Amino acid sequence: LSKGSSCVSLKNMMAIDPSLVAAGWATVKNGKEVSGVIKPIGETLPERLQCLSTEIKNLILSFVPSKLIIELPAAYSYARSKSKWSGKDLNQASLQKLNLAIGTICGTAQSIGVGFEFIDVTWKGKMNKKMSMIITGKKNHNEADAICLMRYYMTIQANNSYRNITVP
């Protein structure tokens, strides 16, 4: 593989499971997974968004990722609706707040020169919150999802890198 291979940069990224309540994050430092949860504080939405921005900036400055991998929600949200099985009364307010969090994360990253990539929530397949917590051994599903997202992204990128190898 060449020096510019995406395998080299895989360790220099950070996965984010966005939220205004508990945003999970995961990265690799010195060959080990490091993860946590950001719990934005504030009484108003702008205060919580500012707190999220400050915490994301601190993480970026601490771990220096070259790219953020951000989970993008579906265009609808059965899980956040009154009746997740029938799909009635979709909670658009939850999606709007989540998208504000995503915009804040992207804007913060961009303001300090860090790129980002979105991964659609369908990457999970049938894995639910409980499953991701069992897989990772974490008690917070947002942190567990960020770890699983990071592992998924690293696996996909590694597989794509090997497909692009040419043999002389």
C-alpha atoms as a PDB file:
ATOM      1  CA  LEU A   1       0.000   0.000   0.000  1.00  0.00           C
ATOM      2  CA  SER A   2       1.166   3.508  -0.690  1.00  0.00           C
ATOM      3  CA  LYS A   3       1.770   6.130   1.989  1.00  0.00           C
ATOM      4  CA  GLY A   4      -1.372   7.935   0.903  1.00  0.00           C
ATOM      5  CA  SER A   5      -3.539   4.874   1.415  1.00  0.00           C
ATOM      6  CA  SER A   6      -6.740   5.361   3.377  1.00  0.00           C
ATOM      7  CA  CYS A   7      -5.578   2.589   5.731  1.00  0.00           C
ATOM      8  CA  VAL A   8      -2.988   4.996   7.120  1.00  0.00           C
ATOM      9  CA  SER A   9      -5.631   7.619   7.932  1.00  0.00           C
ATOM     10  CA  LEU A  10      -8.154   5.231   9.479  1.00  0.00           C
ATOM     11  CA  LYS A  11      -6.647   5.719  12.905  1.00  0.00           C
ATOM     12  CA  ASN A  12      -6.919   9.471  12.476  1.00  0.00           C
ATOM     13  CA  MET A  13     -10.695   9.783  12.486  1.00  0.00           C
ATOM     14  CA  MET A  14     -13.423  10.160  15.073  1.00  0.00           C
ATOM     15  CA  ALA A  15     -16.929   8.675  14.923  1.00  0.00           C
ATOM     16  CA  ILE A  16     -19.830  10.672  16.346  1.00  0.00           C
ATOM     17  CA  ASP A  17     -23.313   9.481  17.297  1.00  0.00           C
ATOM     18  CA  PRO A  18     -24.916  12.952  17.451  1.00  0.00           C
ATOM     19  CA  SER A  19     -27.389  14.053  20.106  1.00  0.00           C
ATOM     20  CA  LEU A  20     -28.292  17.059  22.227  1.00  0.00           C
ATOM     21  CA  VAL A  21     -28.790  14.782  25.233  1.00  0.00           C
ATOM     22  CA  ALA A  22     -25.826  12.388  25.054  1.00  0.00           C
ATOM     23  CA  ALA A  23     -23.600  12.420  21.958  1.00  0.00           C
ATOM     24  CA  GLY A  24     -21.329   9.388  21.729  1.00  0.00           C
ATOM     25  CA  TRP A  25     -17.833   9.612  20.270  1.00  0.00           C
ATOM     26  CA  ALA A  26     -15.059   7.137  19.529  1.00  0.00           C
ATOM     27  CA  THR A  27     -11.561   7.273  18.092  1.00  0.00           C
ATOM     28  CA  VAL A  28      -8.297   5.336  18.114  1.00  0.00           C
ATOM     29  CA  LYS A  29      -5.289   6.692  19.996  1.00  0.00           C
ATOM     30  CA  ASN A  30      -2.003   4.819  20.315  1.00  0.00           C
ATOM     31  CA  GLY A  31      -3.640   1.718  18.879  1.00  0.00           C
ATOM     32  CA  LYS A  32      -6.455   1.656  21.451  1.00  0.00           C
ATOM     33  CA  GLU A  33     -10.109   2.596  21.185  1.00  0.00           C
ATOM     34  CA  VAL A  34     -10.989   5.679  23.195  1.00  0.00           C
ATOM     35  CA  SER A  35     -14.609   6.733  23.603  1.00  0.00           C
ATOM     36  CA  GLY A  36     -16.991   8.764  25.665  1.00  0.00           C
ATOM     37  CA  VAL A  37     -20.193  10.744  25.843  1.00  0.00           C
ATOM     38  CA  ILE A  38     -20.827  14.471  25.595  1.00  0.00           C
ATOM     39  CA  LYS A  39     -23.814  15.600  27.677  1.00  0.00           C
ATOM     40  CA  PRO A  40     -24.519  19.189  26.654  1.00  0.00           C
ATOM     41  CA  ILE A  41     -25.777  21.345  29.500  1.00  0.00           C
ATOM     42  CA  GLY A  42     -27.907  24.443  29.337  1.00  0.00           C
ATOM     43  CA  GLU A  43     -31.452  25.538  29.963  1.00  0.00           C
ATOM     44  CA  THR A  44     -32.069  26.752  26.414  1.00  0.00           C
ATOM     45  CA  LEU A  45     -31.456  25.141  23.054  1.00  0.00           C
ATOM     46  CA  PRO A  46     -28.806  27.745  22.078  1.00  0.00           C
ATOM     47  CA  GLU A  47     -26.955  27.097  25.368  1.00  0.00           C
ATOM     48  CA  ARG A  48     -26.933  23.347  24.737  1.00  0.00           C
ATOM     49  CA  LEU A  49     -25.760  23.837  21.145  1.00  0.00           C
ATOM     50  CA  GLN A  50     -22.945  26.116  22.363  1.00  0.00           C
ATOM     51  CA  CYS A  51     -21.936  23.521  24.955  1.00  0.00           C
ATOM     52  CA  LEU A  52     -21.938  20.794  22.288  1.00  0.00           C
ATOM     53  CA  SER A  53     -19.775  22.973  20.039  1.00  0.00           C
ATOM     54  CA  THR A  54     -17.289  23.646  22.844  1.00  0.00           C
ATOM     55  CA  GLU A  55     -17.041  19.954  23.763  1.00  0.00           C
ATOM     56  CA  ILE A  56     -16.597  18.866  20.120  1.00  0.00           C
ATOM     57  CA  LYS A  57     -13.884  21.496  19.670  1.00  0.00           C
ATOM     58  CA  ASN A  58     -12.098  20.255  22.816  1.00  0.00           C
ATOM     59  CA  LEU A  59     -12.248  16.655  21.543  1.00  0.00           C
ATOM     60  CA  ILE A  60     -10.879  17.657  18.148  1.00  0.00           C
ATOM     61  CA  LEU A  61      -8.050  19.639  19.726  1.00  0.00           C
ATOM     62  CA  SER A  62      -7.244  16.741  22.090  1.00  0.00           C
ATOM     63  CA  PHE A  63      -7.294  13.880  19.566  1.00  0.00           C
ATOM     64  CA  VAL A  64      -6.556  15.795  16.324  1.00  0.00           C
ATOM     65  CA  PRO A  65      -8.663  13.701  13.923  1.00  0.00           C
ATOM     66  CA  SER A  66      -8.425  14.569  10.254  1.00  0.00           C
ATOM     67  CA  LYS A  67     -12.063  13.584   9.737  1.00  0.00           C
ATOM     68  CA  LEU A  68     -15.276  13.137  11.710  1.00  0.00           C
ATOM     69  CA  ILE A  69     -17.588  10.274  10.778  1.00  0.00           C
ATOM     70  CA  ILE A  70     -21.105  11.366  11.696  1.00  0.00           C
ATOM     71  CA  GLU A  71     -24.178   9.155  11.816  1.00  0.00           C
ATOM     72  CA  LEU A  72     -26.976  10.718   9.801  1.00  0.00           C
ATOM     73  CA  PRO A  73     -30.551   9.976  10.915  1.00  0.00           C
ATOM     74  CA  ALA A  74     -33.241   8.595   8.690  1.00  0.00           C
ATOM     75  CA  ALA A  75     -35.640  11.106   7.161  1.00  0.00           C
ATOM     76  CA  TYR A  76     -38.264   9.784   9.550  1.00  0.00           C
ATOM     77  CA  SER A  77     -38.172   8.523  13.091  1.00  0.00           C
ATOM     78  CA  TYR A  78     -40.379   5.663  14.136  1.00  0.00           C
ATOM     79  CA  ALA A  79     -38.355   5.130  17.291  1.00  0.00           C
ATOM     80  CA  ARG A  80     -39.164   8.662  18.420  1.00  0.00           C
ATOM     81  CA  SER A  81     -42.844   8.485  17.506  1.00  0.00           C
ATOM     82  CA  LYS A  82     -45.808   7.783  19.754  1.00  0.00           C
ATOM     83  CA  SER A  83     -46.432   4.515  17.953  1.00  0.00           C
ATOM     84  CA  LYS A  84     -43.193   3.129  16.608  1.00  0.00           C
ATOM     85  CA  TRP A  85     -44.890   0.072  15.140  1.00  0.00           C
ATOM     86  CA  SER A  86     -47.575   1.869  13.142  1.00  0.00           C
ATOM     87  CA  GLY A  87     -45.466   4.923  12.372  1.00  0.00           C
ATOM     88  CA  LYS A  88     -48.143   7.443  13.409  1.00  0.00           C
ATOM     89  CA  ASP A  89     -47.344  10.872  14.799  1.00  0.00           C
ATOM     90  CA  LEU A  90     -43.713  11.066  13.765  1.00  0.00           C
ATOM     91  CA  ASN A  91     -41.836  13.416  16.070  1.00  0.00           C
ATOM     92  CA  GLN A  92     -40.380  16.011  13.727  1.00  0.00           C
ATOM     93  CA  ALA A  93     -39.243  18.153  16.675  1.00  0.00           C
ATOM     94  CA  SER A  94     -36.777  15.434  17.727  1.00  0.00           C
ATOM     95  CA  LEU A  95     -35.379  15.226  14.202  1.00  0.00           C
ATOM     96  CA  GLN A  96     -35.046  19.004  14.012  1.00  0.00           C
ATOM     97  CA  LYS A  97     -33.067  19.092  17.272  1.00  0.00           C
ATOM     98  CA  LEU A  98     -30.896  16.205  16.113  1.00  0.00           C
ATOM     99  CA  ASN A  99     -30.201  18.005  12.838  1.00  0.00           C
ATOM    100  CA  LEU A 100     -29.292  21.168  14.764  1.00  0.00           C
ATOM    101  CA  ALA A 101     -26.791  19.054  16.727  1.00  0.00           C
ATOM    102  CA  ILE A 102     -25.369  17.633  13.488  1.00  0.00           C
ATOM    103  CA  GLY A 103     -25.089  21.125  11.993  1.00  0.00           C
ATOM    104  CA  THR A 104     -23.316  22.356  15.112  1.00  0.00           C
ATOM    105  CA  ILE A 105     -20.855  19.453  15.024  1.00  0.00           C
ATOM    106  CA  CYS A 106     -20.141  19.996  11.303  1.00  0.00           C
ATOM    107  CA  GLY A 107     -19.770  23.763  11.693  1.00  0.00           C
ATOM    108  CA  THR A 108     -17.417  23.380  14.639  1.00  0.00           C
ATOM    109  CA  ALA A 109     -15.275  20.836  12.801  1.00  0.00           C
ATOM    110  CA  GLN A 110     -15.194  22.954   9.646  1.00  0.00           C
ATOM    111  CA  SER A 111     -14.234  26.088  11.603  1.00  0.00           C
ATOM    112  CA  ILE A 112     -11.022  24.429  12.782  1.00  0.00           C
ATOM    113  CA  GLY A 113     -10.176  22.700   9.509  1.00  0.00           C
ATOM    114  CA  VAL A 114     -11.483  19.183  10.173  1.00  0.00           C
ATOM    115  CA  GLY A 115     -13.537  17.481   7.484  1.00  0.00           C
ATOM    116  CA  PHE A 116     -16.494  15.210   8.019  1.00  0.00           C
ATOM    117  CA  GLU A 117     -18.369  12.404   6.317  1.00  0.00           C
ATOM    118  CA  PHE A 118     -21.926  11.260   6.883  1.00  0.00           C
ATOM    119  CA  ILE A 119     -22.864   7.620   7.295  1.00  0.00           C
ATOM    120  CA  ASP A 120     -26.564   6.843   6.948  1.00  0.00           C
ATOM    121  CA  VAL A 121     -28.148   5.210   9.989  1.00  0.00           C
ATOM    122  CA  THR A 122     -28.901   2.131   7.875  1.00  0.00           C
ATOM    123  CA  TRP A 123     -25.288   0.993   8.503  1.00  0.00           C
ATOM    124  CA  LYS A 124     -26.632  -0.618  11.699  1.00  0.00           C
ATOM    125  CA  GLY A 125     -28.806  -3.114   9.900  1.00  0.00           C
ATOM    126  CA  LYS A 126     -30.848  -4.845  12.603  1.00  0.00           C
ATOM    127  CA  MET A 127     -28.459  -3.997  15.439  1.00  0.00           C
ATOM    128  CA  ASN A 128     -30.332  -2.253  18.223  1.00  0.00           C
ATOM    129  CA  LYS A 129     -29.118  -0.198  21.198  1.00  0.00           C
ATOM    130  CA  LYS A 130     -28.918  -3.175  23.529  1.00  0.00           C
ATOM    131  CA  MET A 131     -26.929  -5.188  20.993  1.00  0.00           C
ATOM    132  CA  SER A 132     -24.357  -2.413  20.491  1.00  0.00           C
ATOM    133  CA  MET A 133     -23.951  -2.142  24.266  1.00  0.00           C
ATOM    134  CA  ILE A 134     -23.344  -5.893  24.536  1.00  0.00           C
ATOM    135  CA  ILE A 135     -20.859  -5.862  21.630  1.00  0.00           C
ATOM    136  CA  THR A 136     -18.816  -2.993  23.095  1.00  0.00           C
ATOM    137  CA  GLY A 137     -19.315  -3.605  26.812  1.00  0.00           C
ATOM    138  CA  LYS A 138     -20.475   0.007  27.276  1.00  0.00           C
ATOM    139  CA  LYS A 139     -23.404   1.063  29.450  1.00  0.00           C
ATOM    140  CA  ASN A 140     -24.321   4.101  27.336  1.00  0.00           C
ATOM    141  CA  HIS A 141     -25.912   3.273  23.985  1.00  0.00           C
ATOM    142  CA  ASN A 142     -24.677   6.510  22.367  1.00  0.00           C
ATOM    143  CA  GLU A 143     -21.062   5.679  23.208  1.00  0.00           C
ATOM    144  CA  ALA A 144     -21.605   2.075  22.086  1.00  0.00           C
ATOM    145  CA  ASP A 145     -23.103   3.246  18.777  1.00  0.00           C
ATOM    146  CA  ALA A 146     -20.143   5.576  18.160  1.00  0.00           C
ATOM    147  CA  ILE A 147     -17.712   2.696  18.729  1.00  0.00           C
ATOM    148  CA  CYS A 148     -19.674   0.405  16.390  1.00  0.00           C
ATOM    149  CA  LEU A 149     -19.883   3.180  13.775  1.00  0.00           C
ATOM    150  CA  MET A 150     -16.110   3.651  13.970  1.00  0.00           C
ATOM    151  CA  ARG A 151     -15.473  -0.079  13.610  1.00  0.00           C
ATOM    152  CA  TYR A 152     -17.910  -0.280  10.697  1.00  0.00           C
ATOM    153  CA  TYR A 153     -16.283   2.661   8.919  1.00  0.00           C
ATOM    154  CA  MET A 154     -12.784   1.274   9.453  1.00  0.00           C
ATOM    155  CA  THR A 155     -13.834  -2.110   8.081  1.00  0.00           C
ATOM    156  CA  ILE A 156     -15.487  -0.619   5.003  1.00  0.00           C
ATOM    157  CA  GLN A 157     -12.524   1.670   4.292  1.00  0.00           C
ATOM    158  CA  ALA A 158     -10.003  -1.149   4.762  1.00  0.00           C
ATOM    159  CA  ASN A 159     -11.982  -3.369   2.379  1.00  0.00           C
ATOM    160  CA  ASN A 160     -12.166  -0.565  -0.196  1.00  0.00           C
ATOM    161  CA  SER A 161      -8.410   0.038   0.101  1.00  0.00           C
ATOM    162  CA  TYR A 162      -7.615  -3.594  -0.623  1.00  0.00           C
ATOM    163  CA  ARG A 163      -9.890  -3.532  -3.683  1.00  0.00           C
ATOM    164  CA  ASN A 164      -7.893  -0.628  -5.084  1.00  0.00           C
ATOM    165  CA  ILE A 165      -4.513  -2.382  -4.911  1.00  0.00           C
ATOM    166  CA  THR A 166      -2.965  -3.065  -8.288  1.00  0.00           C
ATOM    167  CA  VAL A 167      -0.513  -5.899  -8.736  1.00  0.00           C
ATOM    168  CA  PRO A 168       2.349  -5.250 -11.191  1.00  0.00           C
END
